[in-house]
Amino acid sequence: MPMSKGFARRLFPHLPEIVKKFGTPFHIYDAVGIEETGRQFAKLFAKMPGGFKQFFAVKALPNLEIMKMMLAMGFGFDCSSIPELIMARMVGAKPDDIMFTSNNTSNKELSYAGKYGGCILNLDDISFVERFLITPELICFRYNPGAEREGNSIIGNPEESKYGVRKDQIVEAYCMAKEKGSERFGLHTMICSNQLDYRYVVETVKMLLAVAVTLQEKLGIKLEFINIGGGIGIPYRPDQNRFNLRALASKTARELQKFKRLQGYAPKLYTECGRYMTGPHGVLVTRVINRMEKYKPFIGVDASMTSLMRPALYGAYHHIQILGAERRKKERTNVVGSLCENNDWFAHDRLLPVARVGDIMIIQDAGAHGHAMGSQYNGRLRPQELLQKNGAVKIIRRAETVKDYLCTQIEIEPAKISFRR
């Protein structure tokens, strides 16, 4: 289930014209698909006993047009840096619409997050409590359960992870925050990424509710919310099953209702899904520029891993389609970019229709952690981003230029320090 039939139906008939108008490479996103996913998400989780809110993970697709769509659906934003905070505020997000979840956080970031409109501050380490200049009324901690849970290859095992407050520290962390003046509290975790089994996420809900019981018993704290993070995956491969979101919503509501009967209240449920919201609704469109015969066959395209890093970074699979090549013979080949790196590839030893120079290639499920993870390595500049909406296509981020590449290199005589002997 890489690319939805609806997205393909809306895009493919117009793709040659889009390529002619905008050139390649480019990322293009499907507004209809994003909005349908958002409505489905909100509907399924609407019956949580304490309430529900989704915070779109900005790191997945940090684009103001996409963020405006998320806010219009009633979603907030999960931010992890000052630029992401600024973007959330630019599109009109209020303090309760923003979760600030960073790690290895600097004093500058902690200070900024508490100013200029505020946000829900989610702390990643117990030591951060002592660094408050002004104690926030509402505070949240990211919980790391250690050896009690297993992660995955993308985010790592919790016990080896740099994220979160340890199990043996979590009560002390809330006690410290309470003593410093915080009066409202939330609890967060994220211990997996691209998870396709809903039962794993249900276990995460149970884990957080168990911590909530401990905090109530030991400190008298009633959590305003539990945030199960993101981590809900999408089926990148055609033979993978879609995540059962309906089952997750149903089982989670049941766990929260049980908690309410026993504890007398139910916290709100927060999520911070990025990949699930936009991943299947974006593709990287590139053009075949070379057929090369080394000791293996290679198909060279005009994009590189500076446009989509996941295959090089994780060995990730992205389904590939060549426009109009469905009836061609197939060959086992490798699809590569132009970087001076041997892992600059999009497909390794993949069975694909025979590609010809000039073909349009669609690299699917690139709507999350695609453009966002790009770079300028080798001077290969990041491509433009397009949005298909209401029967039209518009640029929502222009392609980088050489001027962009050079603009941070000071052209005038820079300030400098002289060292004398």
Protein backbone atom coordinates (compact mmCIF):
# COMPACT_ATOMS: atom_id res chain seq x y z
CA MET A 1 0.00 0.00 0.00
CA PRO A 2 2.72 2.55 -0.76
CA MET A 3 0.83 5.20 -2.76
CA SER A 4 -2.96 5.40 -2.55
CA LYS A 5 -4.96 4.80 -5.72
CA GLY A 6 -6.65 8.16 -5.18
CA PHE A 7 -3.34 10.02 -5.08
CA ALA A 8 -2.13 8.22 -8.21
CA ARG A 9 -5.42 8.99 -9.98
CA ARG A 10 -5.15 12.66 -9.10
CA LEU A 11 -1.45 12.95 -9.98
CA PHE A 12 -0.38 10.63 -12.80
CA PRO A 13 -2.53 11.99 -15.67
CA HIS A 14 -1.11 15.48 -15.04
CA LEU A 15 2.46 14.52 -14.17
CA PRO A 16 4.04 15.09 -17.61
CA GLU A 17 2.55 18.59 -17.66
CA ILE A 18 3.71 19.26 -14.07
CA VAL A 19 7.23 18.09 -14.94
CA LYS A 20 7.26 20.30 -18.04
CA LYS A 21 6.16 23.31 -15.98
CA PHE A 22 8.33 22.88 -12.87
CA GLY A 23 11.21 20.64 -13.95
CA THR A 24 12.65 17.83 -11.83
CA PRO A 25 13.33 16.81 -9.14
CA PHE A 26 10.53 17.85 -6.80
CA HIS A 27 8.51 16.64 -3.86
CA ILE A 28 4.75 16.86 -4.40
CA TYR A 29 2.07 16.42 -1.74
CA ASP A 30 -1.59 15.48 -2.05
CA ALA A 31 -3.82 17.83 -0.04
CA VAL A 32 -6.87 15.57 -0.44
CA GLY A 33 -5.05 12.58 1.04
CA ILE A 34 -3.64 14.57 3.96
CA GLU A 35 -7.03 16.04 4.82
CA GLU A 36 -8.79 12.66 4.55
CA THR A 37 -6.23 11.12 6.90
CA GLY A 38 -6.63 14.00 9.36
CA ARG A 39 -10.41 13.69 9.41
CA GLN A 40 -10.20 9.94 9.92
CA PHE A 41 -7.69 10.35 12.74
CA ALA A 42 -9.82 12.93 14.54
CA LYS A 43 -13.02 10.90 14.13
CA LEU A 44 -11.57 7.64 15.45
CA PHE A 45 -10.12 9.25 18.57
CA ALA A 46 -13.00 11.63 19.28
CA LYS A 47 -14.48 9.43 22.01
CA MET A 48 -11.54 9.36 24.40
CA PRO A 49 -13.06 9.82 27.90
CA GLY A 50 -10.78 12.71 28.84
CA GLY A 51 -10.53 14.27 25.38
CA PHE A 52 -8.03 14.02 22.52
CA LYS A 53 -5.59 16.15 20.56
CA GLN A 54 -3.15 15.36 17.78
CA PHE A 55 0.08 17.38 17.57
CA PHE A 56 1.60 17.14 14.09
CA ALA A 57 5.32 16.36 14.29
CA VAL A 58 6.80 19.32 12.43
CA LYS A 59 10.09 17.50 11.86
CA ALA A 60 8.30 15.17 9.43
CA LEU A 61 7.32 17.93 6.99
CA PRO A 62 8.26 21.45 8.11
CA ASN A 63 6.35 23.49 5.57
CA LEU A 64 4.08 26.42 6.45
CA GLU A 65 1.38 25.47 3.92
CA ILE A 66 1.16 21.95 5.33
CA MET A 67 1.11 23.32 8.88
CA LYS A 68 -1.79 25.65 8.01
CA MET A 69 -3.73 22.59 6.86
CA MET A 70 -2.99 20.82 10.14
CA LEU A 71 -4.11 23.79 12.24
CA ALA A 72 -7.32 24.06 10.19
CA MET A 73 -8.09 20.45 11.14
CA GLY A 74 -7.75 21.34 14.82
CA PHE A 75 -4.30 19.82 15.29
CA GLY A 76 -1.42 21.30 17.22
CA PHE A 77 2.31 20.94 16.62
CA ASP A 78 5.11 18.90 18.14
CA CYS A 79 8.25 21.04 17.86
CA SER A 80 11.85 20.16 18.66
CA SER A 81 13.77 23.36 17.85
CA ILE A 82 13.45 27.13 17.89
CA PRO A 83 12.78 27.40 14.11
CA GLU A 84 9.96 24.86 14.45
CA LEU A 85 8.50 26.87 17.35
CA ILE A 86 8.66 30.01 15.24
CA MET A 87 6.90 28.27 12.36
CA ALA A 88 4.12 27.03 14.65
CA ARG A 89 3.55 30.55 15.95
CA MET A 90 3.70 31.98 12.41
CA VAL A 91 0.69 29.89 11.34
CA GLY A 92 -1.31 30.96 14.41
CA ALA A 93 -0.77 28.17 16.94
CA LYS A 94 -1.54 29.10 20.55
CA PRO A 95 0.49 27.93 23.60
CA ASP A 96 -1.76 24.90 24.17
CA ASP A 97 -1.33 23.98 20.49
CA ILE A 98 2.42 23.50 20.81
CA MET A 99 4.39 20.71 22.48
CA PHE A 100 8.11 21.49 22.72
CA THR A 101 9.89 18.15 22.82
CA SER A 102 13.61 18.56 22.32
CA ASN A 103 16.56 16.57 23.60
CA ASN A 104 20.00 17.66 24.75
CA THR A 105 18.23 21.01 25.12
CA SER A 106 20.25 24.20 25.55
CA ASN A 107 19.49 27.00 28.01
CA LYS A 108 18.75 29.23 25.03
CA GLU A 109 16.08 26.82 23.77
CA LEU A 110 14.51 26.37 27.21
CA SER A 111 14.35 30.14 27.63
CA TYR A 112 12.91 30.76 24.17
CA ALA A 113 10.30 28.03 24.54
CA GLY A 114 8.93 29.74 27.65
CA LYS A 115 8.75 33.17 26.03
CA TYR A 116 6.96 34.76 23.07
CA GLY A 117 3.63 33.04 23.58
CA GLY A 118 4.75 29.92 25.40
CA CYS A 119 4.10 26.25 24.77
CA ILE A 120 3.74 22.97 26.63
CA LEU A 121 7.27 22.26 27.75
CA ASN A 122 8.20 18.56 27.57
CA LEU A 123 11.47 17.89 29.38
CA ASP A 124 13.81 15.14 28.28
CA ASP A 125 16.06 14.96 31.33
CA ILE A 126 15.67 15.42 35.09
CA SER A 127 18.57 17.89 35.19
CA PHE A 128 16.61 20.41 33.13
CA VAL A 129 14.30 21.24 36.06
CA GLU A 130 17.07 23.07 37.90
CA ARG A 131 17.71 25.30 34.88
CA PHE A 132 14.33 27.06 34.91
CA LEU A 133 14.54 30.83 35.17
CA ILE A 134 10.75 30.94 35.36
CA THR A 135 8.96 27.76 36.42
CA PRO A 136 6.13 26.94 34.00
CA GLU A 137 2.70 26.26 35.46
CA LEU A 138 2.27 23.22 33.17
CA ILE A 139 5.16 20.80 32.82
CA CYS A 140 5.61 17.44 31.11
CA PHE A 141 8.36 14.83 31.17
CA ARG A 142 9.37 12.34 28.51
CA TYR A 143 9.52 8.89 30.06
CA ASN A 144 12.06 6.20 29.19
CA PRO A 145 11.10 2.75 30.56
CA GLY A 146 14.53 1.24 29.98
CA ALA A 147 14.75 -2.54 29.78
CA GLU A 148 11.00 -2.96 30.29
CA ARG A 149 10.32 -2.24 26.59
CA GLU A 150 12.01 -2.85 23.27
CA GLY A 151 12.34 -0.24 20.56
CA ASN A 152 13.27 -0.76 16.91
CA SER A 153 16.15 -0.17 14.51
CA ILE A 154 15.19 3.44 13.76
CA ILE A 155 14.87 4.84 17.28
CA GLY A 156 16.86 2.17 19.17
CA ASN A 157 16.19 0.27 22.38
CA PRO A 158 15.06 2.49 25.28
CA GLU A 159 17.87 1.33 27.56
CA GLU A 160 20.45 2.54 25.03
CA SER A 161 18.57 5.66 24.00
CA LYS A 162 19.49 9.28 24.67
CA TYR A 163 15.80 10.12 25.09
CA GLY A 164 13.78 10.53 28.24
CA VAL A 165 13.78 10.35 32.04
CA ARG A 166 14.69 6.99 33.56
CA LYS A 167 12.14 4.91 35.43
CA ASP A 168 13.98 5.33 38.73
CA GLN A 169 14.04 9.13 38.24
CA ILE A 170 10.52 9.85 37.07
CA VAL A 171 8.83 10.38 40.46
CA GLU A 172 11.71 12.58 41.62
CA ALA A 173 11.46 14.66 38.44
CA TYR A 174 7.80 15.49 39.10
CA CYS A 175 8.53 16.11 42.78
CA MET A 176 11.23 18.63 41.85
CA ALA A 177 8.94 20.40 39.37
CA LYS A 178 6.16 20.53 41.96
CA GLU A 179 8.48 21.98 44.60
CA LYS A 180 9.63 24.66 42.13
CA GLY A 181 6.03 25.74 41.59
CA SER A 182 4.56 23.75 38.69
CA GLU A 183 0.90 22.95 39.30
CA ARG A 184 -0.23 21.13 36.16
CA PHE A 185 1.38 18.04 34.69
CA GLY A 186 1.51 15.79 31.66
CA LEU A 187 3.42 12.63 30.76
CA HIS A 188 4.99 11.76 27.40
CA THR A 189 6.89 8.93 25.80
CA MET A 190 8.08 7.80 22.39
CA ILE A 191 9.96 4.53 22.27
CA CYS A 192 9.38 3.30 18.73
CA SER A 193 9.25 4.61 15.19
CA ASN A 194 7.34 3.38 12.13
CA GLN A 195 5.49 0.76 14.18
CA LEU A 196 2.92 -1.26 12.22
CA ASP A 197 1.54 -3.36 15.10
CA TYR A 198 -1.15 -1.43 17.00
CA ARG A 199 -0.77 -3.75 20.00
CA TYR A 200 2.68 -2.32 20.72
CA VAL A 201 1.15 1.15 20.99
CA VAL A 202 -1.66 -0.13 23.24
CA GLU A 203 1.04 -1.46 25.57
CA THR A 204 2.55 2.04 25.56
CA VAL A 205 -0.81 3.45 26.69
CA LYS A 206 -0.93 0.91 29.53
CA MET A 207 2.64 1.76 30.51
CA LEU A 208 1.91 5.49 30.79
CA LEU A 209 -1.28 4.88 32.77
CA ALA A 210 0.70 2.73 35.23
CA VAL A 211 3.12 5.65 35.72
CA ALA A 212 0.10 7.94 36.19
CA VAL A 213 -1.13 5.71 39.05
CA THR A 214 2.30 5.89 40.70
CA LEU A 215 2.41 9.69 40.44
CA GLN A 216 -1.06 9.99 41.96
CA GLU A 217 -0.26 7.63 44.81
CA LYS A 218 3.14 9.12 45.70
CA LEU A 219 2.72 12.81 44.87
CA GLY A 220 -1.02 13.36 44.60
CA ILE A 221 -0.57 14.40 40.97
CA LYS A 222 -3.43 13.96 38.53
CA LEU A 223 -2.09 14.14 35.00
CA GLU A 224 -3.86 16.45 32.57
CA PHE A 225 -2.73 14.34 29.64
CA ILE A 226 -0.68 11.39 28.51
CA ASN A 227 1.12 11.76 25.18
CA ILE A 228 1.91 8.46 23.47
CA GLY A 229 4.13 10.23 20.95
CA GLY A 230 4.27 9.35 17.28
CA GLY A 231 5.74 6.15 15.99
CA ILE A 232 2.62 4.97 14.15
CA GLY A 233 3.96 3.58 10.91
CA ILE A 234 2.96 3.32 7.28
CA PRO A 235 3.42 0.32 4.96
CA TYR A 236 6.33 1.30 2.75
CA ARG A 237 6.38 -2.12 1.06
CA PRO A 238 3.48 -3.37 -1.07
CA ASP A 239 3.22 -6.60 0.95
CA GLN A 240 2.91 -4.85 4.34
CA ASN A 241 -0.40 -4.33 6.10
CA ARG A 242 -1.68 -0.90 7.06
CA PHE A 243 -1.57 0.10 10.75
CA ASN A 244 -4.94 -0.69 12.39
CA LEU A 245 -5.78 2.78 13.66
CA ARG A 246 -9.38 1.86 14.45
CA ALA A 247 -8.25 -0.94 16.77
CA LEU A 248 -5.76 1.37 18.50
CA ALA A 249 -8.47 3.98 19.13
CA SER A 250 -10.92 1.39 20.44
CA LYS A 251 -8.43 -0.35 22.75
CA THR A 252 -7.04 2.96 24.02
CA ALA A 253 -10.52 4.26 24.88
CA ARG A 254 -11.15 1.04 26.79
CA GLU A 255 -7.93 1.43 28.80
CA LEU A 256 -8.74 5.05 29.64
CA GLN A 257 -12.28 4.15 30.71
CA LYS A 258 -10.89 1.44 32.98
CA PHE A 259 -8.42 3.94 34.44
CA LYS A 260 -11.25 6.42 35.05
CA ARG A 261 -13.29 3.85 36.97
CA LEU A 262 -10.36 3.03 39.22
CA GLN A 263 -8.74 6.46 39.65
CA GLY A 264 -11.73 8.78 39.39
CA TYR A 265 -10.52 10.76 36.39
CA ALA A 266 -9.19 10.24 32.86
CA PRO A 267 -6.31 12.26 31.37
CA LYS A 268 -6.56 13.60 27.84
CA LEU A 269 -4.89 11.54 25.16
CA TYR A 270 -2.31 13.30 23.01
CA THR A 271 -0.51 11.94 19.94
CA GLU A 272 2.18 13.53 17.79
CA CYS A 273 2.04 11.67 14.50
CA GLY A 274 3.92 13.05 11.53
CA ARG A 275 4.69 10.10 9.27
CA TYR A 276 1.14 8.71 9.45
CA MET A 277 -0.32 12.10 8.52
CA THR A 278 1.80 12.95 5.48
CA GLY A 279 4.08 10.04 4.60
CA PRO A 280 1.84 8.25 2.06
CA HIS A 281 0.68 11.55 0.60
CA GLY A 282 3.98 12.74 -0.81
CA VAL A 283 6.27 11.48 -3.56
CA LEU A 284 9.66 12.47 -4.93
CA VAL A 285 9.49 12.91 -8.70
CA THR A 286 12.78 12.59 -10.54
CA ARG A 287 13.94 11.95 -14.10
CA VAL A 288 16.21 9.22 -15.46
CA ILE A 289 19.35 10.87 -16.84
CA ASN A 290 21.68 7.89 -17.35
CA ARG A 291 21.82 4.14 -17.85
CA MET A 292 25.23 2.89 -16.72
CA GLU A 293 26.93 -0.51 -16.79
CA LYS A 294 29.54 -1.00 -14.09
CA TYR A 295 29.95 -4.45 -12.57
CA LYS A 296 26.24 -4.01 -11.93
CA PRO A 297 23.60 -2.07 -13.88
CA PHE A 298 22.78 1.41 -12.58
CA ILE A 299 19.96 3.82 -13.35
CA GLY A 300 21.06 7.41 -12.67
CA VAL A 301 18.40 9.98 -11.77
CA ASP A 302 18.56 13.74 -11.23
CA ALA A 303 17.77 13.50 -7.50
CA SER A 304 20.13 12.22 -4.84
CA MET A 305 20.05 11.32 -1.17
CA THR A 306 20.15 15.05 -0.42
CA SER A 307 16.49 14.93 -1.52
CA LEU A 308 15.57 11.67 0.27
CA MET A 309 18.04 10.30 2.78
CA ARG A 310 16.09 7.40 4.31
CA PRO A 311 17.40 4.65 1.96
CA ALA A 312 21.02 5.68 2.60
CA LEU A 313 20.53 6.29 6.33
CA TYR A 314 18.33 3.34 7.29
CA GLY A 315 18.44 1.05 4.27
CA ALA A 316 14.78 2.01 3.99
CA TYR A 317 12.56 0.76 1.17
CA HIS A 318 10.63 3.24 -0.97
CA HIS A 319 8.41 1.84 -3.69
CA ILE A 320 9.32 3.08 -7.17
CA GLN A 321 7.14 3.48 -10.24
CA ILE A 322 8.20 4.55 -13.73
CA LEU A 323 5.45 6.52 -15.40
CA GLY A 324 4.01 4.66 -18.40
CA ALA A 325 6.36 1.67 -18.08
CA GLU A 326 3.90 -0.90 -16.72
CA ARG A 327 4.07 -3.15 -19.81
CA ARG A 328 7.83 -3.13 -20.24
CA LYS A 329 10.08 -6.06 -19.44
CA LYS A 330 11.66 -5.97 -16.00
CA GLU A 331 15.29 -5.90 -14.99
CA ARG A 332 17.14 -6.14 -11.71
CA THR A 333 18.97 -2.87 -11.24
CA ASN A 334 20.08 -0.08 -8.89
CA VAL A 335 18.69 3.47 -8.82
CA VAL A 336 21.29 6.05 -7.78
CA GLY A 337 21.96 9.75 -7.47
CA SER A 338 25.04 11.85 -8.21
CA LEU A 339 26.74 12.24 -4.83
CA CYS A 340 30.30 11.19 -4.17
CA GLU A 341 28.99 8.51 -1.83
CA ASN A 342 28.45 4.88 -2.74
CA ASN A 343 25.32 4.66 -0.59
CA ASP A 344 23.60 7.41 -2.60
CA TRP A 345 20.82 5.15 -3.81
CA PHE A 346 17.03 4.89 -3.88
CA ALA A 347 16.77 1.22 -4.82
CA HIS A 348 19.33 -1.55 -4.43
CA ASP A 349 19.12 -4.71 -6.53
CA ARG A 350 15.45 -3.93 -7.29
CA LEU A 351 13.29 -5.58 -9.96
CA LEU A 352 11.89 -2.68 -12.02
CA PRO A 353 10.57 -2.07 -15.53
CA VAL A 354 13.40 -1.30 -17.94
CA ALA A 355 14.12 2.40 -17.51
CA ARG A 356 14.94 4.70 -20.40
CA VAL A 357 16.73 8.04 -20.31
CA GLY A 358 14.07 10.74 -19.96
CA ASP A 359 11.62 8.56 -18.02
CA ILE A 360 9.76 10.10 -15.09
CA MET A 361 10.31 8.12 -11.91
CA ILE A 362 8.04 8.36 -8.86
CA ILE A 363 9.64 7.48 -5.52
CA GLN A 364 6.73 6.92 -3.18
CA ASP A 365 5.93 7.48 0.51
CA ALA A 366 8.30 10.45 0.64
CA GLY A 367 5.84 12.79 2.38
CA ALA A 368 7.54 12.52 5.77
CA HIS A 369 11.24 12.74 6.64
CA GLY A 370 11.99 13.25 2.94
CA HIS A 371 12.68 16.86 2.08
CA ALA A 372 13.01 17.58 5.81
CA MET A 373 16.14 15.42 6.14
CA GLY A 374 17.76 16.89 3.04
CA SER A 375 21.19 18.47 2.84
CA GLN A 376 23.45 20.43 0.50
CA TYR A 377 26.27 17.89 0.46
CA ASN A 378 28.36 18.06 -2.71
CA GLY A 379 26.53 21.27 -3.53
CA ARG A 380 23.50 19.23 -4.58
CA LEU A 381 20.75 21.63 -3.65
CA ARG A 382 17.42 20.72 -2.10
CA PRO A 383 14.53 20.52 -4.57
CA GLN A 384 11.25 22.40 -4.67
CA GLU A 385 8.09 21.28 -2.87
CA LEU A 386 4.71 21.35 -4.62
CA LEU A 387 1.16 20.93 -3.34
CA GLN A 388 -1.65 19.48 -5.42
CA LYS A 389 -4.95 20.91 -4.21
CA ASN A 390 -8.34 21.76 -5.73
CA GLY A 391 -7.30 20.63 -9.19
CA ALA A 392 -4.18 22.80 -9.29
CA VAL A 393 -0.51 22.57 -8.35
CA LYS A 394 1.45 25.33 -6.64
CA ILE A 395 4.96 25.77 -5.29
CA ILE A 396 5.05 25.76 -1.49
CA ARG A 397 8.86 25.86 -1.28
CA ARG A 398 11.07 26.91 -4.16
CA ALA A 399 14.16 24.97 -5.12
CA GLU A 400 17.41 26.13 -3.57
CA THR A 401 19.81 28.11 -5.70
CA VAL A 402 23.57 28.60 -5.74
CA LYS A 403 22.91 32.00 -4.17
CA ASP A 404 21.19 30.22 -1.24
CA TYR A 405 24.16 27.88 -0.95
CA LEU A 406 26.58 30.80 -0.70
CA CYS A 407 24.46 33.28 1.29
CA THR A 408 25.79 32.30 4.72
CA GLN A 409 29.39 32.74 3.60
CA ILE A 410 30.21 36.31 4.50
CA GLU A 411 31.27 38.28 1.43
CA ILE A 412 32.59 41.35 3.26
CA GLU A 413 35.59 41.41 5.57
CA PRO A 414 34.38 39.40 8.59
CA ALA A 415 34.95 40.23 12.20
CA LYS A 416 37.97 38.33 13.35
CA ILE A 417 40.22 37.76 16.34
CA SER A 418 43.94 38.24 16.06
CA PHE A 419 46.25 36.24 18.30
CA ARG A 420 49.59 37.78 19.16
CA ARG A 421 52.62 35.89 20.21
